[in-house]
Amino acid sequence: MAENPVLRLDHLGKGYGAGRPLFERLSLDLAPGAYVAIMGESGVGKSTLLNLLAGLDEPDSGRVLLEGTDLAALSDDERTLLRRRAVGFVFQAFHVLPYLTAEQNVALPLELLGVGKAERVARIAAMLDAVGLSAAARRFPRELSGGEVQRVAIARALVHRPRLVLADEPTGNLDPRTAAQTLALLRDQIKANAGAGILITHSKTAADTADLIYRLDALGLAPLATGG
């Protein structure tokens, strides 16, 4: 029997209003361990899609189901709690807090979830080790390179073992070599956690690190190729 999907998009549709669709009939299932890239021209709705997947916006039609839960059926508070527990975000702009050390930034999701101190310390140490930053645990972002700061962001996004990881152009500010290392790390960690991941990118090189590549347009998601 096939595993239940981590994420299911069921004929998802969103528009500008007044009958102007941004996209419609968008369907996709992501099983545990799946990692896909979504490409598309500017203005096609990639950011809107991310907001729908995170429960920050509601579709005009169809459903987003995270581990079988219809996000639109939840209250705002319930969506916030589900997001905090089950979703990890990695952004192009990093969004780490400059006044916190690397380990303090990584600790934030666990503190919000009320994870006990002993488990919190162990998870932070393991996550920093996984991203190669054990020696930089007590350094502030200003003391780290751009690639190191992005690794802090990845560690923070994954330390609470989310079921769904959403990465929005996570290597846009990095040089090619650091970008390749960052993408490999992101992929490996998603697979290790048996979650599911979506990479939003304009870069075919970045997209090729995913299992599958899709193009988003007004008619939905079309598979382009098998990635790495």
Protein backbone atom coordinates (compact mmCIF):
# COMPACT_ATOMS: atom_id res chain seq x y z
CA MET A 1 0.00 0.00 0.00
CA ALA A 2 1.40 3.43 -1.01
CA GLU A 3 2.31 5.87 1.71
CA ASN A 4 -0.02 8.79 2.31
CA PRO A 5 1.38 11.98 0.78
CA VAL A 6 2.97 14.58 3.01
CA LEU A 7 1.46 17.25 0.76
CA ARG A 8 -1.46 17.07 -1.63
CA LEU A 9 -2.57 19.86 -3.94
CA ASP A 10 -6.08 19.05 -5.12
CA HIS A 11 -7.15 21.09 -8.19
CA LEU A 12 -5.78 24.25 -6.62
CA GLY A 13 -6.79 27.57 -8.15
CA LYS A 14 -5.99 31.19 -7.38
CA GLY A 15 -6.75 34.37 -9.29
CA TYR A 16 -6.45 38.12 -9.29
CA GLY A 17 -10.20 38.53 -8.90
CA ALA A 18 -12.88 39.39 -11.45
CA GLY A 19 -12.38 36.09 -13.23
CA ARG A 20 -8.65 36.52 -13.94
CA PRO A 21 -6.97 33.24 -12.97
CA LEU A 22 -3.34 33.20 -11.88
CA PHE A 23 -3.34 29.43 -12.06
CA GLU A 24 -5.99 26.73 -11.79
CA ARG A 25 -6.46 22.95 -11.64
CA LEU A 26 -3.08 22.56 -9.97
CA SER A 27 -2.60 19.05 -8.55
CA LEU A 28 0.41 17.38 -7.00
CA ASP A 29 1.20 14.67 -4.44
CA LEU A 30 4.49 14.62 -2.52
CA ALA A 31 5.36 11.38 -0.74
CA PRO A 32 7.78 11.22 2.21
CA GLY A 33 11.29 11.87 0.91
CA ALA A 34 10.13 13.63 -2.26
CA TYR A 35 12.03 16.74 -3.29
CA VAL A 36 10.81 18.72 -6.31
CA ALA A 37 11.69 22.00 -7.98
CA ILE A 38 9.12 24.42 -9.40
CA MET A 39 10.17 26.87 -12.09
CA GLY A 40 8.26 29.55 -13.95
CA GLU A 41 8.40 33.03 -15.38
CA SER A 42 8.17 36.07 -13.12
CA GLY A 43 4.55 36.87 -12.30
CA VAL A 44 3.27 33.37 -12.89
CA GLY A 45 2.40 32.88 -9.22
CA LYS A 46 5.32 31.09 -7.57
CA SER A 47 5.24 33.31 -4.46
CA THR A 48 1.46 33.02 -4.30
CA LEU A 49 1.77 29.24 -4.48
CA LEU A 50 4.24 29.25 -1.57
CA ASN A 51 1.82 31.33 0.49
CA LEU A 52 -0.94 28.81 -0.24
CA LEU A 53 1.26 25.86 0.68
CA ALA A 54 2.17 27.51 3.98
CA GLY A 55 -1.43 28.38 4.81
CA LEU A 56 -0.69 32.10 4.64
CA ASP A 57 -3.33 32.54 1.94
CA GLU A 58 -6.43 30.60 0.91
CA PRO A 59 -7.15 29.22 -2.56
CA ASP A 60 -10.11 30.33 -4.66
CA SER A 61 -10.73 26.69 -5.55
CA GLY A 62 -9.33 23.29 -4.62
CA ARG A 63 -7.48 22.31 -1.48
CA VAL A 64 -4.04 22.16 0.11
CA LEU A 65 -3.73 19.14 2.40
CA LEU A 66 -0.74 18.81 4.71
CA GLU A 67 -0.60 15.30 6.15
CA GLY A 68 -4.29 14.97 5.28
CA THR A 69 -5.35 18.24 6.93
CA ASP A 70 -7.14 20.78 4.73
CA LEU A 71 -5.43 24.07 5.57
CA ALA A 72 -8.45 26.15 4.59
CA ALA A 73 -10.58 24.29 7.16
CA LEU A 74 -8.38 25.52 10.03
CA SER A 75 -8.62 28.77 11.94
CA ASP A 76 -5.78 31.29 11.68
CA ASP A 77 -4.42 30.15 15.04
CA GLU A 78 -4.62 26.49 14.05
CA ARG A 79 -2.77 27.19 10.80
CA THR A 80 -0.08 29.07 12.73
CA LEU A 81 0.43 26.12 15.07
CA LEU A 82 0.53 23.63 12.19
CA ARG A 83 3.03 25.80 10.31
CA ARG A 84 5.22 26.07 13.40
CA ARG A 85 5.22 22.29 13.89
CA ALA A 86 5.23 20.91 10.38
CA VAL A 87 6.75 23.44 7.97
CA GLY A 88 10.33 24.71 7.54
CA PHE A 89 11.22 27.76 5.45
CA VAL A 90 14.49 28.64 3.69
CA PHE A 91 14.64 32.04 1.98
CA GLN A 92 17.05 33.79 -0.38
CA ALA A 93 17.54 36.61 2.16
CA PHE A 94 18.39 34.14 4.98
CA HIS A 95 16.25 35.96 7.62
CA VAL A 96 18.45 34.91 10.52
CA LEU A 97 18.39 37.25 13.52
CA PRO A 98 21.64 39.26 13.61
CA TYR A 99 21.69 39.67 17.42
CA LEU A 100 21.56 35.90 18.04
CA THR A 101 24.39 33.41 17.64
CA ALA A 102 24.16 30.53 15.19
CA GLU A 103 23.01 28.11 17.89
CA GLN A 104 20.49 30.62 19.24
CA ASN A 105 19.01 31.12 15.77
CA VAL A 106 18.72 27.36 15.31
CA ALA A 107 17.09 27.03 18.73
CA LEU A 108 14.15 29.29 17.90
CA PRO A 109 11.76 26.70 16.35
CA LEU A 110 12.35 24.31 19.25
CA GLU A 111 11.72 27.02 21.82
CA LEU A 112 8.46 27.98 20.10
CA LEU A 113 7.40 24.33 20.22
CA GLY A 114 8.28 24.00 23.92
CA VAL A 115 10.90 21.30 23.41
CA GLY A 116 12.69 20.51 26.70
CA LYS A 117 16.19 21.83 27.29
CA ALA A 118 18.05 18.52 27.13
CA GLU A 119 16.44 17.49 23.85
CA ARG A 120 16.79 21.02 22.50
CA VAL A 121 20.54 21.09 23.19
CA ALA A 122 21.01 17.68 21.59
CA ARG A 123 19.05 18.55 18.46
CA ILE A 124 20.84 21.87 17.99
CA ALA A 125 24.26 20.22 18.32
CA ALA A 126 23.31 17.45 15.87
CA MET A 127 21.89 19.92 13.36
CA LEU A 128 24.88 22.25 13.49
CA ASP A 129 27.14 19.23 13.03
CA ALA A 130 25.08 18.10 10.03
CA VAL A 131 25.55 21.48 8.33
CA GLY A 132 29.24 21.68 9.27
CA LEU A 133 28.94 24.56 11.73
CA SER A 134 29.73 23.00 15.10
CA ALA A 135 32.79 25.23 15.48
CA ALA A 136 30.73 28.32 14.66
CA ALA A 137 27.89 27.68 17.10
CA ARG A 138 28.60 30.78 19.19
CA ARG A 139 29.39 33.13 16.36
CA PHE A 140 27.01 35.87 15.25
CA PRO A 141 25.86 36.14 11.62
CA ARG A 142 28.20 39.11 11.04
CA GLU A 143 31.11 36.80 11.83
CA LEU A 144 30.07 34.22 9.20
CA SER A 145 30.31 34.04 5.42
CA GLY A 146 27.19 34.19 3.27
CA GLY A 147 27.29 30.44 2.74
CA GLU A 148 27.65 29.83 6.46
CA VAL A 149 24.70 32.10 7.24
CA GLN A 150 22.58 30.20 4.73
CA ARG A 151 23.60 26.94 6.42
CA VAL A 152 22.40 28.43 9.72
CA ALA A 153 19.09 29.17 8.00
CA ILE A 154 18.86 25.59 6.74
CA ALA A 155 19.66 24.22 10.19
CA ARG A 156 16.96 26.42 11.71
CA ALA A 157 14.44 25.31 9.06
CA LEU A 158 15.12 21.61 9.70
CA VAL A 159 15.92 21.32 13.42
CA HIS A 160 12.28 20.67 14.39
CA ARG A 161 12.08 17.91 11.74
CA PRO A 162 9.31 19.46 9.64
CA ARG A 163 7.21 17.35 7.34
CA LEU A 164 7.37 19.98 4.59
CA VAL A 165 10.31 22.22 3.64
CA LEU A 166 9.68 25.24 1.41
CA ALA A 167 12.79 26.81 -0.13
CA ASP A 168 12.41 30.08 -2.05
CA GLU A 169 15.50 30.83 -4.20
CA PRO A 170 17.73 29.76 -1.29
CA THR A 171 20.99 30.21 -3.21
CA GLY A 172 20.23 33.44 -5.06
CA ASN A 173 22.79 35.39 -3.03
CA LEU A 174 25.55 32.77 -3.13
CA ASP A 175 28.46 32.10 -5.47
CA PRO A 176 28.11 28.98 -7.69
CA ARG A 177 30.36 26.73 -5.59
CA THR A 178 28.68 27.66 -2.29
CA ALA A 179 25.27 27.41 -3.96
CA ALA A 180 25.99 23.85 -5.09
CA GLN A 181 27.12 22.86 -1.59
CA THR A 182 24.03 24.49 -0.05
CA LEU A 183 21.63 22.74 -2.43
CA ALA A 184 23.26 19.37 -1.79
CA LEU A 185 22.97 19.93 1.95
CA LEU A 186 19.32 20.94 1.69
CA ARG A 187 18.48 17.88 -0.40
CA ASP A 188 20.37 15.49 1.87
CA GLN A 189 18.73 16.81 5.02
CA ILE A 190 15.21 16.64 3.55
CA LYS A 191 15.86 13.02 2.56
CA ALA A 192 17.36 12.18 5.96
CA ASN A 193 14.28 13.53 7.74
CA ALA A 194 11.90 11.67 5.36
CA GLY A 195 9.98 14.89 4.87
CA ALA A 196 9.05 16.48 1.55
CA GLY A 197 10.63 19.53 -0.03
CA ILE A 198 9.75 22.12 -2.65
CA LEU A 199 12.41 24.33 -4.22
CA ILE A 200 11.20 27.47 -5.98
CA THR A 201 13.87 28.70 -8.38
CA HIS A 202 14.63 30.43 -11.68
CA SER A 203 17.87 28.46 -11.98
CA LYS A 204 17.90 25.27 -14.04
CA THR A 205 21.17 24.34 -12.33
CA ALA A 206 19.48 24.55 -8.94
CA ALA A 207 16.38 22.76 -10.18
CA ASP A 208 18.47 19.86 -11.46
CA THR A 209 19.31 18.94 -7.83
CA ALA A 210 15.68 17.95 -7.24
CA ASP A 211 14.08 14.61 -8.02
CA LEU A 212 11.60 16.16 -10.44
CA ILE A 213 11.20 19.58 -12.05
CA TYR A 214 7.84 21.22 -12.75
CA ARG A 215 6.95 24.38 -14.63
CA LEU A 216 4.15 26.52 -13.21
CA ASP A 217 1.84 28.36 -15.58
CA ALA A 218 -1.82 29.36 -15.80
CA LEU A 219 -2.85 25.80 -16.60
CA GLY A 220 -1.15 24.23 -13.58
CA LEU A 221 2.04 22.26 -13.05
CA ALA A 222 3.70 20.50 -15.96
CA PRO A 223 6.57 18.03 -15.37
CA LEU A 224 9.70 19.13 -17.21
CA ALA A 225 12.39 16.59 -16.40
CA THR A 226 13.91 14.32 -13.86
CA GLY A 227 16.38 16.20 -11.71
CA GLY A 228 19.37 14.88 -9.81
